[in-house]
C-alpha atoms as a PDB file:
ATOM      1  CA  MET A   1     115.866  98.432  79.126  1.00  0.00           C
ATOM      2  CA  SER A   2     117.140 101.188  76.858  1.00  0.00           C
ATOM      3  CA  GLY A   3     115.186 104.369  76.249  1.00  0.00           C
ATOM      4  CA  LYS A   4     114.517 103.394  72.625  1.00  0.00           C
ATOM      5  CA  ARG A   5     113.090 100.018  73.626  1.00  0.00           C
ATOM      6  CA  GLN A   6     110.934 101.640  76.294  1.00  0.00           C
ATOM      7  CA  LEU A   7     109.590 104.095  73.698  1.00  0.00           C
ATOM      8  CA  ILE A   8     108.717 101.259  71.300  1.00  0.00           C
ATOM      9  CA  LEU A   9     107.013  99.302  74.075  1.00  0.00           C
ATOM     10  CA  ALA A  10     105.093 102.387  75.214  1.00  0.00           C
ATOM     11  CA  THR A  11     103.901 103.032  71.636  1.00  0.00           C
ATOM     12  CA  VAL A  12     102.675  99.448  71.248  1.00  0.00           C
ATOM     13  CA  LEU A  13     100.834  99.604  74.576  1.00  0.00           C
ATOM     14  CA  LEU A  14      99.233 102.944  73.684  1.00  0.00           C
ATOM     15  CA  ILE A  15      97.982 101.635  70.330  1.00  0.00           C
ATOM     16  CA  ALA A  16      96.538  98.559  72.070  1.00  0.00           C
ATOM     17  CA  ALA A  17      94.836 100.736  74.695  1.00  0.00           C
ATOM     18  CA  LEU A  18      93.313 103.020  72.052  1.00  0.00           C
ATOM     19  CA  ALA A  19      91.958 100.038  70.127  1.00  0.00           C
ATOM     20  CA  ALA A  20      90.712  98.063  73.151  1.00  0.00           C
ATOM     21  CA  PRO A  21      87.220  99.645  73.485  1.00  0.00           C
ATOM     22  CA  ALA A  22      86.340  98.299  70.039  1.00  0.00           C
ATOM     23  CA  PHE A  23      87.016  94.711  71.124  1.00  0.00           C
ATOM     24  CA  VAL A  24      86.200  94.409  74.839  1.00  0.00           C
ATOM     25  CA  GLY A  25      83.011  94.629  76.869  1.00  0.00           C
ATOM     26  CA  ASN A  26      82.092  96.924  79.728  1.00  0.00           C
ATOM     27  CA  TYR A  27      83.701  94.683  82.371  1.00  0.00           C
ATOM     28  CA  TRP A  28      87.145  94.783  80.790  1.00  0.00           C
ATOM     29  CA  LEU A  29      86.698  98.448  79.995  1.00  0.00           C
ATOM     30  CA  ARG A  30      86.269  99.032  83.728  1.00  0.00           C
ATOM     31  CA  VAL A  31      89.292  96.859  84.550  1.00  0.00           C
ATOM     32  CA  LEU A  32      91.490  98.726  82.079  1.00  0.00           C
ATOM     33  CA  THR A  33      90.282 102.085  83.385  1.00  0.00           C
ATOM     34  CA  THR A  34      91.345 100.962  86.867  1.00  0.00           C
ATOM     35  CA  VAL A  35      94.739  99.943  85.451  1.00  0.00           C
ATOM     36  CA  PHE A  36      95.183 103.423  83.983  1.00  0.00           C
ATOM     37  CA  MET A  37      94.138 105.052  87.251  1.00  0.00           C
ATOM     38  CA  PHE A  38      96.674 103.105  89.282  1.00  0.00           C
ATOM     39  CA  GLY A  39      99.250 103.725  86.577  1.00  0.00           C
ATOM     40  CA  VAL A  40      98.862 107.456  87.237  1.00  0.00           C
ATOM     41  CA  VAL A  41      99.146 106.885  91.008  1.00  0.00           C
ATOM     42  CA  ALA A  42     102.280 104.761  90.477  1.00  0.00           C
ATOM     43  CA  GLN A  43     103.833 107.413  88.230  1.00  0.00           C
ATOM     44  CA  GLY A  44     103.131 110.030  90.890  1.00  0.00           C
ATOM     45  CA  LEU A  45     104.964 107.876  93.419  1.00  0.00           C
ATOM     46  CA  ASN A  46     107.716 107.291  90.884  1.00  0.00           C
ATOM     47  CA  VAL A  47     108.515 111.006  90.911  1.00  0.00           C
ATOM     48  CA  ILE A  48     108.872 111.397  94.670  1.00  0.00           C
ATOM     49  CA  VAL A  49     110.175 107.878  95.431  1.00  0.00           C
ATOM     50  CA  GLY A  50     111.934 106.653  92.296  1.00  0.00           C
ATOM     51  CA  PHE A  51     113.595 109.959  91.411  1.00  0.00           C
ATOM     52  CA  ALA A  52     113.853 111.850  94.714  1.00  0.00           C
ATOM     53  CA  GLY A  53     114.196 108.852  97.032  1.00  0.00           C
ATOM     54  CA  TYR A  54     111.517 110.010  99.502  1.00  0.00           C
ATOM     55  CA  HIS A  55     109.187 107.142 100.388  1.00  0.00           C
ATOM     56  CA  ALA A  56     105.695 108.647 100.528  1.00  0.00           C
ATOM     57  CA  PHE A  57     103.456 105.870 101.863  1.00  0.00           C
ATOM     58  CA  GLY A  58     100.605 108.314 102.492  1.00  0.00           C
ATOM     59  CA  ASN A  59     100.451 109.829  99.006  1.00  0.00           C
ATOM     60  CA  SER A  60      96.812 108.711  98.841  1.00  0.00           C
ATOM     61  CA  VAL A  61      96.048 111.966 100.666  1.00  0.00           C
ATOM     62  CA  PHE A  62      96.353 113.740  97.307  1.00  0.00           C
ATOM     63  CA  PHE A  63      94.084 111.176  95.674  1.00  0.00           C
ATOM     64  CA  GLY A  64      91.445 112.020  98.282  1.00  0.00           C
ATOM     65  CA  ILE A  65      92.012 115.760  97.938  1.00  0.00           C
ATOM     66  CA  GLY A  66      91.591 115.500  94.178  1.00  0.00           C
ATOM     67  CA  ALA A  67      88.412 113.454  94.599  1.00  0.00           C
ATOM     68  CA  TYR A  68      86.807 115.772  97.153  1.00  0.00           C
ATOM     69  CA  ALA A  69      87.882 118.979  95.400  1.00  0.00           C
ATOM     70  CA  THR A  70      86.287 117.673  92.194  1.00  0.00           C
ATOM     71  CA  GLY A  71      83.123 116.645  94.032  1.00  0.00           C
ATOM     72  CA  ILE A  72      82.779 119.955  95.861  1.00  0.00           C
ATOM     73  CA  GLY A  73      83.439 121.888  92.665  1.00  0.00           C
ATOM     74  CA  MET A  74      80.764 119.991  90.757  1.00  0.00           C
ATOM     75  CA  THR A  75      78.187 120.382  93.562  1.00  0.00           C
ATOM     76  CA  LEU A  76      78.859 124.136  93.395  1.00  0.00           C
ATOM     77  CA  GLY A  77      78.040 124.108  89.690  1.00  0.00           C
ATOM     78  CA  LEU A  78      81.438 123.782  88.029  1.00  0.00           C
ATOM     79  CA  PRO A  79      81.550 121.567  84.927  1.00  0.00           C
ATOM     80  CA  VAL A  80      83.752 118.517  85.302  1.00  0.00           C
ATOM     81  CA  TRP A  81      86.335 119.819  82.818  1.00  0.00           C
ATOM     82  CA  VAL A  82      86.861 122.801  85.147  1.00  0.00           C
ATOM     83  CA  ALA A  83      86.442 120.992  88.481  1.00  0.00           C
ATOM     84  CA  ILE A  84      89.201 118.435  87.817  1.00  0.00           C
ATOM     85  CA  PRO A  85      91.915 120.992  86.899  1.00  0.00           C
ATOM     86  CA  VAL A  86      90.928 122.965  90.003  1.00  0.00           C
ATOM     87  CA  ALA A  87      91.296 119.752  92.045  1.00  0.00           C
ATOM     88  CA  VAL A  88      94.735 119.101  90.528  1.00  0.00           C
ATOM     89  CA  ALA A  89      95.787 122.642  91.399  1.00  0.00           C
ATOM     90  CA  ALA A  90      94.487 122.189  94.960  1.00  0.00           C
ATOM     91  CA  ALA A  91      96.463 118.969  95.466  1.00  0.00           C
ATOM     92  CA  ALA A  92      99.615 120.554  94.037  1.00  0.00           C
ATOM     93  CA  LEU A  93      99.222 123.686  96.160  1.00  0.00           C
ATOM     94  CA  ILE A  94      98.791 121.699  99.383  1.00  0.00           C
ATOM     95  CA  ALA A  95     101.874 119.617  98.547  1.00  0.00           C
ATOM     96  CA  ALA A  96     103.889 122.771  97.849  1.00  0.00           C
ATOM     97  CA  VAL A  97     102.816 124.375 101.145  1.00  0.00           C
ATOM     98  CA  LEU A  98     103.381 121.256 103.242  1.00  0.00           C
ATOM     99  CA  GLY A  99     106.552 120.291 101.400  1.00  0.00           C
ATOM    100  CA  TRP A 100     108.778 122.754 103.222  1.00  0.00           C
ATOM    101  CA  PRO A 101     108.202 121.304 106.722  1.00  0.00           C
ATOM    102  CA  PHE A 102     107.534 117.676 105.690  1.00  0.00           C
ATOM    103  CA  LEU A 103     110.469 117.237 103.337  1.00  0.00           C
ATOM    104  CA  ARG A 104     112.909 118.261 106.037  1.00  0.00           C
ATOM    105  CA  LEU A 105     112.239 114.810 107.441  1.00  0.00           C
ATOM    106  CA  ARG A 106     114.181 111.902 105.986  1.00  0.00           C
ATOM    107  CA  GLY A 107     113.807 108.152 105.620  1.00  0.00           C
ATOM    108  CA  HIS A 108     111.139 106.450 107.692  1.00  0.00           C
ATOM    109  CA  TYR A 109     110.323 109.712 109.480  1.00  0.00           C
ATOM    110  CA  PHE A 110     109.012 111.193 106.226  1.00  0.00           C
ATOM    111  CA  ALA A 111     107.132 107.969 105.402  1.00  0.00           C
ATOM    112  CA  ILE A 112     105.397 107.997 108.804  1.00  0.00           C
ATOM    113  CA  ALA A 113     104.611 111.721 108.440  1.00  0.00           C
ATOM    114  CA  THR A 114     102.837 111.137 105.124  1.00  0.00           C
ATOM    115  CA  VAL A 115     100.720 108.391 106.678  1.00  0.00           C
ATOM    116  CA  ALA A 116      99.831 110.760 109.525  1.00  0.00           C
ATOM    117  CA  LEU A 117      98.944 113.459 106.989  1.00  0.00           C
ATOM    118  CA  ASN A 118      96.552 111.055 105.291  1.00  0.00           C
ATOM    119  CA  ALA A 119      94.870 110.286 108.635  1.00  0.00           C
ATOM    120  CA  ALA A 120      94.658 113.982 109.513  1.00  0.00           C
ATOM    121  CA  ALA A 121      93.058 114.834 106.172  1.00  0.00           C
ATOM    122  CA  THR A 122      90.445 112.146 106.807  1.00  0.00           C
ATOM    123  CA  GLU A 123      89.489 113.779 110.101  1.00  0.00           C
ATOM    124  CA  VAL A 124      89.304 117.213 108.477  1.00  0.00           C
ATOM    125  CA  ILE A 125      86.938 115.924 105.777  1.00  0.00           C
ATOM    126  CA  ILE A 126      84.686 114.331 108.391  1.00  0.00           C
ATOM    127  CA  ASN A 127      84.568 117.427 110.585  1.00  0.00           C
ATOM    128  CA  ILE A 128      83.633 119.885 107.832  1.00  0.00           C
ATOM    129  CA  GLY A 129      80.635 117.834 106.829  1.00  0.00           C
ATOM    130  CA  GLY A 130      78.641 120.844 105.662  1.00  0.00           C
ATOM    131  CA  VAL A 131      80.917 121.093 102.626  1.00  0.00           C
ATOM    132  CA  THR A 132      82.183 117.535 102.184  1.00  0.00           C
ATOM    133  CA  GLY A 133      79.208 115.508 103.368  1.00  0.00           C
ATOM    134  CA  GLY A 134      81.227 114.281 106.358  1.00  0.00           C
ATOM    135  CA  ALA A 135      81.007 110.603 107.213  1.00  0.00           C
ATOM    136  CA  GLN A 136      77.872 110.215 105.062  1.00  0.00           C
ATOM    137  CA  GLY A 137      79.751 110.837 101.833  1.00  0.00           C
ATOM    138  CA  LEU A 138      79.360 113.278  98.966  1.00  0.00           C
ATOM    139  CA  PRO A 139      77.151 112.566  95.935  1.00  0.00           C
ATOM    140  CA  LEU A 140      78.188 114.165  92.650  1.00  0.00           C
ATOM    141  CA  PRO A 141      75.743 115.413  90.003  1.00  0.00           C
ATOM    142  CA  PHE A 142      74.769 112.667  87.586  1.00  0.00           C
ATOM    143  CA  SER A 143      75.800 112.973  83.969  1.00  0.00           C
ATOM    144  CA  SER A 144      73.079 113.153  81.314  1.00  0.00           C
ATOM    145  CA  LEU A 145      75.156 110.957  78.997  1.00  0.00           C
ATOM    146  CA  PRO A 146      74.239 107.290  78.431  1.00  0.00           C
ATOM    147  CA  PRO A 147      76.251 105.013  80.761  1.00  0.00           C
ATOM    148  CA  THR A 148      78.122 103.229  77.949  1.00  0.00           C
ATOM    149  CA  LEU A 149      79.225 106.502  76.361  1.00  0.00           C
ATOM    150  CA  LEU A 150      80.135 107.983  79.732  1.00  0.00           C
ATOM    151  CA  TYR A 151      82.330 105.011  80.663  1.00  0.00           C
ATOM    152  CA  ARG A 152      84.140 105.229  77.343  1.00  0.00           C
ATOM    153  CA  ILE A 153      84.767 108.942  77.858  1.00  0.00           C
ATOM    154  CA  ILE A 154      86.169 108.233  81.321  1.00  0.00           C
ATOM    155  CA  TYR A 155      88.271 105.410  79.860  1.00  0.00           C
ATOM    156  CA  PHE A 156      89.912 107.710  77.321  1.00  0.00           C
ATOM    157  CA  ALA A 157      90.227 110.542  79.862  1.00  0.00           C
ATOM    158  CA  MET A 158      92.039 108.250  82.293  1.00  0.00           C
ATOM    159  CA  LEU A 159      94.228 106.951  79.461  1.00  0.00           C
ATOM    160  CA  ALA A 160      95.079 110.527  78.425  1.00  0.00           C
ATOM    161  CA  THR A 161      95.956 111.335  82.045  1.00  0.00           C
ATOM    162  CA  LEU A 162      98.274 108.322  82.184  1.00  0.00           C
ATOM    163  CA  VAL A 163      99.939 109.319  78.905  1.00  0.00           C
ATOM    164  CA  LEU A 164     100.460 112.852  80.225  1.00  0.00           C
ATOM    165  CA  ALA A 165     101.879 111.562  83.532  1.00  0.00           C
ATOM    166  CA  THR A 166     104.257 109.253  81.659  1.00  0.00           C
ATOM    167  CA  ALA A 167     105.306 112.094  79.346  1.00  0.00           C
ATOM    168  CA  ILE A 168     106.122 114.211  82.416  1.00  0.00           C
ATOM    169  CA  VAL A 169     108.229 111.379  83.841  1.00  0.00           C
ATOM    170  CA  PHE A 170     109.981 111.052  80.454  1.00  0.00           C
ATOM    171  CA  TRP A 171     110.743 114.779  80.492  1.00  0.00           C
ATOM    172  CA  LEU A 172     111.877 114.549  84.090  1.00  0.00           C
ATOM    173  CA  SER A 173     114.271 111.719  83.283  1.00  0.00           C
ATOM    174  CA  ARG A 174     116.105 114.029  80.849  1.00  0.00           C
ATOM    175  CA  SER A 175     115.744 117.377  82.584  1.00  0.00           C
ATOM    176  CA  ARG A 176     118.023 119.245  84.975  1.00  0.00           C
ATOM    177  CA  LEU A 177     115.435 118.729  87.706  1.00  0.00           C
ATOM    178  CA  GLY A 178     115.535 114.974  87.103  1.00  0.00           C
ATOM    179  CA  TYR A 179     119.333 114.881  87.346  1.00  0.00           C
ATOM    180  CA  ALA A 180     119.148 116.975  90.524  1.00  0.00           C
ATOM    181  CA  LEU A 181     116.618 114.566  92.041  1.00  0.00           C
ATOM    182  CA  ARG A 182     118.774 111.545  91.204  1.00  0.00           C
ATOM    183  CA  ALA A 183     121.759 113.207  92.826  1.00  0.00           C
ATOM    184  CA  LEU A 184     119.608 114.002  95.858  1.00  0.00           C
ATOM    185  CA  ARG A 185     118.399 110.398  96.022  1.00  0.00           C
ATOM    186  CA  ASP A 186     121.948 109.037  96.010  1.00  0.00           C
ATOM    187  CA  SER A 187     123.303 111.557  98.534  1.00  0.00           C
ATOM    188  CA  GLU A 188     121.468 114.666  99.679  1.00  0.00           C
ATOM    189  CA  SER A 189     124.586 116.183 101.252  1.00  0.00           C
ATOM    190  CA  GLY A 190     126.560 115.391  98.097  1.00  0.00           C
ATOM    191  CA  ALA A 191     123.899 117.068  95.940  1.00  0.00           C
ATOM    192  CA  GLU A 192     124.090 120.176  98.102  1.00  0.00           C
ATOM    193  CA  VAL A 193     127.866 120.278  97.683  1.00  0.00           C
ATOM    194  CA  MET A 194     127.375 120.163  93.898  1.00  0.00           C
ATOM    195  CA  GLY A 195     125.143 123.234  94.104  1.00  0.00           C
ATOM    196  CA  VAL A 196     121.714 121.584  93.920  1.00  0.00           C
ATOM    197  CA  ASP A 197     118.958 123.486  95.704  1.00  0.00           C
ATOM    198  CA  THR A 198     117.705 120.333  97.401  1.00  0.00           C
ATOM    199  CA  VAL A 199     114.766 121.988  99.196  1.00  0.00           C
ATOM    200  CA  LYS A 200     113.390 123.422  95.947  1.00  0.00           C
ATOM    201  CA  ALA A 201     113.944 120.163  94.062  1.00  0.00           C
ATOM    202  CA  LYS A 202     112.171 118.085  96.720  1.00  0.00           C
ATOM    203  CA  ILE A 203     109.192 120.440  96.881  1.00  0.00           C
ATOM    204  CA  LEU A 204     108.869 120.465  93.084  1.00  0.00           C
ATOM    205  CA  ALA A 205     109.000 116.651  93.004  1.00  0.00           C
ATOM    206  CA  TRP A 206     106.285 116.304  95.654  1.00  0.00           C
ATOM    207  CA  THR A 207     104.161 118.951  93.933  1.00  0.00           C
ATOM    208  CA  ILE A 208     104.349 117.103  90.606  1.00  0.00           C
ATOM    209  CA  SER A 209     103.601 113.825  92.391  1.00  0.00           C
ATOM    210  CA  ALA A 210     100.576 115.364  94.134  1.00  0.00           C
ATOM    211  CA  ALA A 211      99.233 116.853  90.898  1.00  0.00           C
ATOM    212  CA  MET A 212      99.375 113.462  89.158  1.00  0.00           C
ATOM    213  CA  THR A 213      97.726 111.665  92.071  1.00  0.00           C
ATOM    214  CA  GLY A 214      95.069 114.375  92.428  1.00  0.00           C
ATOM    215  CA  SER A 215      94.143 114.094  88.756  1.00  0.00           C
ATOM    216  CA  ALA A 216      93.530 110.353  89.183  1.00  0.00           C
ATOM    217  CA  GLY A 217      91.387 111.055  92.261  1.00  0.00           C
ATOM    218  CA  GLY A 218      89.339 113.681  90.439  1.00  0.00           C
ATOM    219  CA  LEU A 219      88.534 111.393  87.517  1.00  0.00           C
ATOM    220  CA  TRP A 220      87.779 108.555  89.910  1.00  0.00           C
ATOM    221  CA  ALA A 221      85.249 110.729  91.766  1.00  0.00           C
ATOM    222  CA  TYR A 222      83.492 111.659  88.524  1.00  0.00           C
ATOM    223  CA  TRP A 223      83.508 108.001  87.502  1.00  0.00           C
ATOM    224  CA  LEU A 224      81.893 106.759  90.729  1.00  0.00           C
ATOM    225  CA  THR A 225      79.528 109.775  91.196  1.00  0.00           C
ATOM    226  CA  PHE A 226      79.651 109.179  94.972  1.00  0.00           C
ATOM    227  CA  ILE A 227      82.645 109.436  97.280  1.00  0.00           C
ATOM    228  CA  GLU A 228      83.143 108.769 100.958  1.00  0.00           C
ATOM    229  CA  VAL A 229      86.118 109.514 103.114  1.00  0.00           C
ATOM    230  CA  GLY A 230      87.176 105.945 103.894  1.00  0.00           C
ATOM    231  CA  THR A 231      87.453 105.063 100.210  1.00  0.00           C
ATOM    232  CA  ALA A 232      88.906 108.321  98.891  1.00  0.00           C
ATOM    233  CA  PHE A 233      91.668 108.430 101.520  1.00  0.00           C
ATOM    234  CA  ASP A 234      92.231 104.671 101.636  1.00  0.00           C
ATOM    235  CA  ILE A 235      95.910 104.095 102.492  1.00  0.00           C
ATOM    236  CA  SER A 236      95.880 100.950 100.346  1.00  0.00           C
ATOM    237  CA  ILE A 237      95.800 103.219  97.271  1.00  0.00           C
ATOM    238  CA  SER A 238      99.333 104.329  98.141  1.00  0.00           C
ATOM    239  CA  VAL A 239     100.421 100.808  99.050  1.00  0.00           C
ATOM    240  CA  ARG A 240      99.165  99.310  95.802  1.00  0.00           C
ATOM    241  CA  GLY A 241     100.684 102.130  93.781  1.00  0.00           C
ATOM    242  CA  TYR A 242     103.982 101.591  95.582  1.00  0.00           C
ATOM    243  CA  ILE A 243     103.953  97.862  94.808  1.00  0.00           C
ATOM    244  CA  MET A 244     103.143  98.584  91.152  1.00  0.00           C
ATOM    245  CA  MET A 245     106.017 101.043  90.921  1.00  0.00           C
ATOM    246  CA  LEU A 246     108.444  98.501  92.388  1.00  0.00           C
ATOM    247  CA  LEU A 247     107.082  95.687  90.224  1.00  0.00           C
ATOM    248  CA  GLY A 248     107.621  97.560  86.977  1.00  0.00           C
ATOM    249  CA  GLY A 249     110.840  99.340  87.903  1.00  0.00           C
ATOM    250  CA  MET A 250     111.349 102.279  90.240  1.00  0.00           C
ATOM    251  CA  GLY A 251     112.885 105.313  88.561  1.00  0.00           C
ATOM    252  CA  THR A 252     112.115 104.132  85.014  1.00  0.00           C
ATOM    253  CA  VAL A 253     109.766 105.830  82.544  1.00  0.00           C
ATOM    254  CA  ILE A 254     107.222 103.121  81.757  1.00  0.00           C
ATOM    255  CA  GLY A 255     108.035 100.665  84.543  1.00  0.00           C
ATOM    256  CA  PRO A 256     105.206 101.879  86.820  1.00  0.00           C
ATOM    257  CA  VAL A 257     102.733 101.506  83.932  1.00  0.00           C
ATOM    258  CA  ILE A 258     103.863  97.925  83.321  1.00  0.00           C
ATOM    259  CA  GLY A 259     103.675  97.239  87.048  1.00  0.00           C
ATOM    260  CA  ALA A 260     100.141  98.654  87.280  1.00  0.00           C
ATOM    261  CA  ALA A 261      98.967  96.488  84.389  1.00  0.00           C
ATOM    262  CA  LEU A 262     100.577  93.295  85.704  1.00  0.00           C
ATOM    263  CA  PHE A 263      99.489  93.742  89.309  1.00  0.00           C
ATOM    264  CA  GLN A 264      95.908  94.756  88.539  1.00  0.00           C
ATOM    265  CA  LEU A 265      95.267  92.168  85.828  1.00  0.00           C
ATOM    266  CA  VAL A 266      96.867  89.319  87.776  1.00  0.00           C
ATOM    267  CA  GLY A 267      95.021  90.440  90.920  1.00  0.00           C
ATOM    268  CA  ASP A 268      91.686  90.375  89.095  1.00  0.00           C
ATOM    269  CA  ALA A 269      92.461  86.934  87.644  1.00  0.00           C
ATOM    270  CA  ILE A 270      93.318  85.575  91.098  1.00  0.00           C
ATOM    271  CA  TRP A 271      90.179  87.087  92.611  1.00  0.00           C
ATOM    272  CA  SER A 272      87.935  85.600  89.914  1.00  0.00           C
ATOM    273  CA  HIS A 273      89.278  82.076  90.493  1.00  0.00           C
ATOM    274  CA  PHE A 274      90.328  82.106  94.151  1.00  0.00           C
ATOM    275  CA  SER A 275      88.167  84.722  95.836  1.00  0.00           C
ATOM    276  CA  GLY A 276      88.434  83.043  99.241  1.00  0.00           C
ATOM    277  CA  ILE A 277      92.224  83.247  99.416  1.00  0.00           C
ATOM    278  CA  HIS A 278      92.682  86.203  97.089  1.00  0.00           C
ATOM    279  CA  ASN A 279      94.749  88.343  99.483  1.00  0.00           C
ATOM    280  CA  LEU A 280      96.909  85.383 100.525  1.00  0.00           C
ATOM    281  CA  LEU A 281      97.870  84.548  96.941  1.00  0.00           C
ATOM    282  CA  LEU A 282      98.373  88.191  96.022  1.00  0.00           C
ATOM    283  CA  GLY A 283     100.645  88.678  99.032  1.00  0.00           C
ATOM    284  CA  ALA A 284     102.648  85.590  98.066  1.00  0.00           C
ATOM    285  CA  LEU A 285     102.986  86.976  94.543  1.00  0.00           C
ATOM    286  CA  VAL A 286     104.280  90.301  95.852  1.00  0.00           C
ATOM    287  CA  MET A 287     106.871  88.547  98.043  1.00  0.00           C
ATOM    288  CA  ALA A 288     107.992  86.415  95.103  1.00  0.00           C
ATOM    289  CA  VAL A 289     108.416  89.499  92.924  1.00  0.00           C
ATOM    290  CA  VAL A 290     110.456  91.302  95.593  1.00  0.00           C
ATOM    291  CA  LEU A 291     112.741  88.271  95.991  1.00  0.00           C
ATOM    292  CA  LEU A 292     113.090  87.316  92.317  1.00  0.00           C
ATOM    293  CA  VAL A 293     112.997  90.687  90.500  1.00  0.00           C
ATOM    294  CA  PRO A 294     113.970  93.294  93.113  1.00  0.00           C
ATOM    295  CA  GLN A 295     114.841  95.876  90.447  1.00  0.00           C
ATOM    296  CA  GLY A 296     111.569  95.460  88.573  1.00  0.00           C
ATOM    297  CA  VAL A 297     110.332  93.713  85.455  1.00  0.00           C
ATOM    298  CA  LEU A 298     112.010  96.089  83.001  1.00  0.00           C
ATOM    299  CA  ASP A 299     115.428  95.474  84.527  1.00  0.00           C
ATOM    300  CA  SER A 300     114.871  91.715  84.365  1.00  0.00           C
ATOM    301  CA  LEU A 301     113.845  91.923  80.709  1.00  0.00           C
ATOM    302  CA  SER A 302     116.963  93.905  79.852  1.00  0.00           C
ATOM    303  CA  ARG A 303     119.084  91.164  81.425  1.00  0.00           C
ATOM    304  CA  LEU A 304     117.525  88.562  79.126  1.00  0.00           C
ATOM    305  CA  ARG A 305     119.164  90.084  76.068  1.00  0.00           C
ATOM    306  CA  PRO A 306     121.967  87.897  74.635  1.00  0.00           C
ATOM    307  CA  PRO A 307     125.467  89.357  75.076  1.00  0.00           C
ATOM    308  CA  ALA A 308     126.798  91.273  72.102  1.00  0.00           C
ATOM    309  CA  ARG A 309     129.155  89.274  69.881  1.00  0.00           C
ATOM    310  CA  ARG A 310     132.743  90.353  69.815  1.00  0.00           C
ATOM    311  CA  PRO A 311     134.325  91.175  66.441  1.00  0.00           C
ATOM    312  CA  ARG A 312     135.856  88.108  64.815  1.00  0.00           C
ATOM    313  CA  ARG A 313     139.360  89.540  64.550  1.00  0.00           C
ATOM    314  CA  ALA A 314     139.385  90.554  68.199  1.00  0.00           C
ATOM    315  CA  ALA A 315     138.260  87.055  69.180  1.00  0.00           C
ATOM    316  CA  GLU A 316     141.015  85.422  67.102  1.00  0.00           C
ATOM    317  CA  ALA A 317     143.641  87.751  68.552  1.00  0.00           C
END
């Protein structure tokens, strides 16, 4: 799908999302907030996977870091609008520090290393229980706002985070860094020959990815008001985000957003009607998508366009 068509589609979706709270109840407001959250996670993966070609299956570590950094900040007295940016900075800083050794690994070695990092972070959180609450979890200070108002604020905050993440991906798709990452994805040795500082580009990509994922984790922690290590560092967060990215279109601007919406909404519909075999049907759906639309929904939609007509004179000639 062309950039102009993607922009039009993104504008329509944004207008619909802004208007939705006036027409839907609290249940659907919660569902849509979850869609936005996973959209941010999928966009974070889009940067490191779709652009750089590094398959980070353990990127949920930054979701957990964002959640716990926000929770710790709020328990220390920081307001949420300060705690979340601090959490984003913490996730980005950790990615930048760990990027130099981790991003020297390639292919499945890097993927396995990110999963191991997620497991290691879980153990660290448990063993510094005096700060994080350990295995018992960490309660956040309750908001004095009425629940309905609070959920709407979180809805719009998560939507704004998704818009910002998508805007960053849009900028990346047209920036020198984005071109460098695409070259690196196609051939790292070839990119180096062309003068690309591949180490710097990879670290920047993972840092941006971590910042996006950490912001989603921070808002999620404030939304739930209680976090525990098994949920915050759940590896399925990365897996679901990865599937959403693939479903919409890896390396595209709004593909991960489309994938997040389709996967989450269809998943909720399946669960509400077939709760007993929910995972079975969802797994079958994922396999069907991989087989039928391997390049993502956006690519499939672009192929549905009728071929352009040739000029009449050229046809007669």
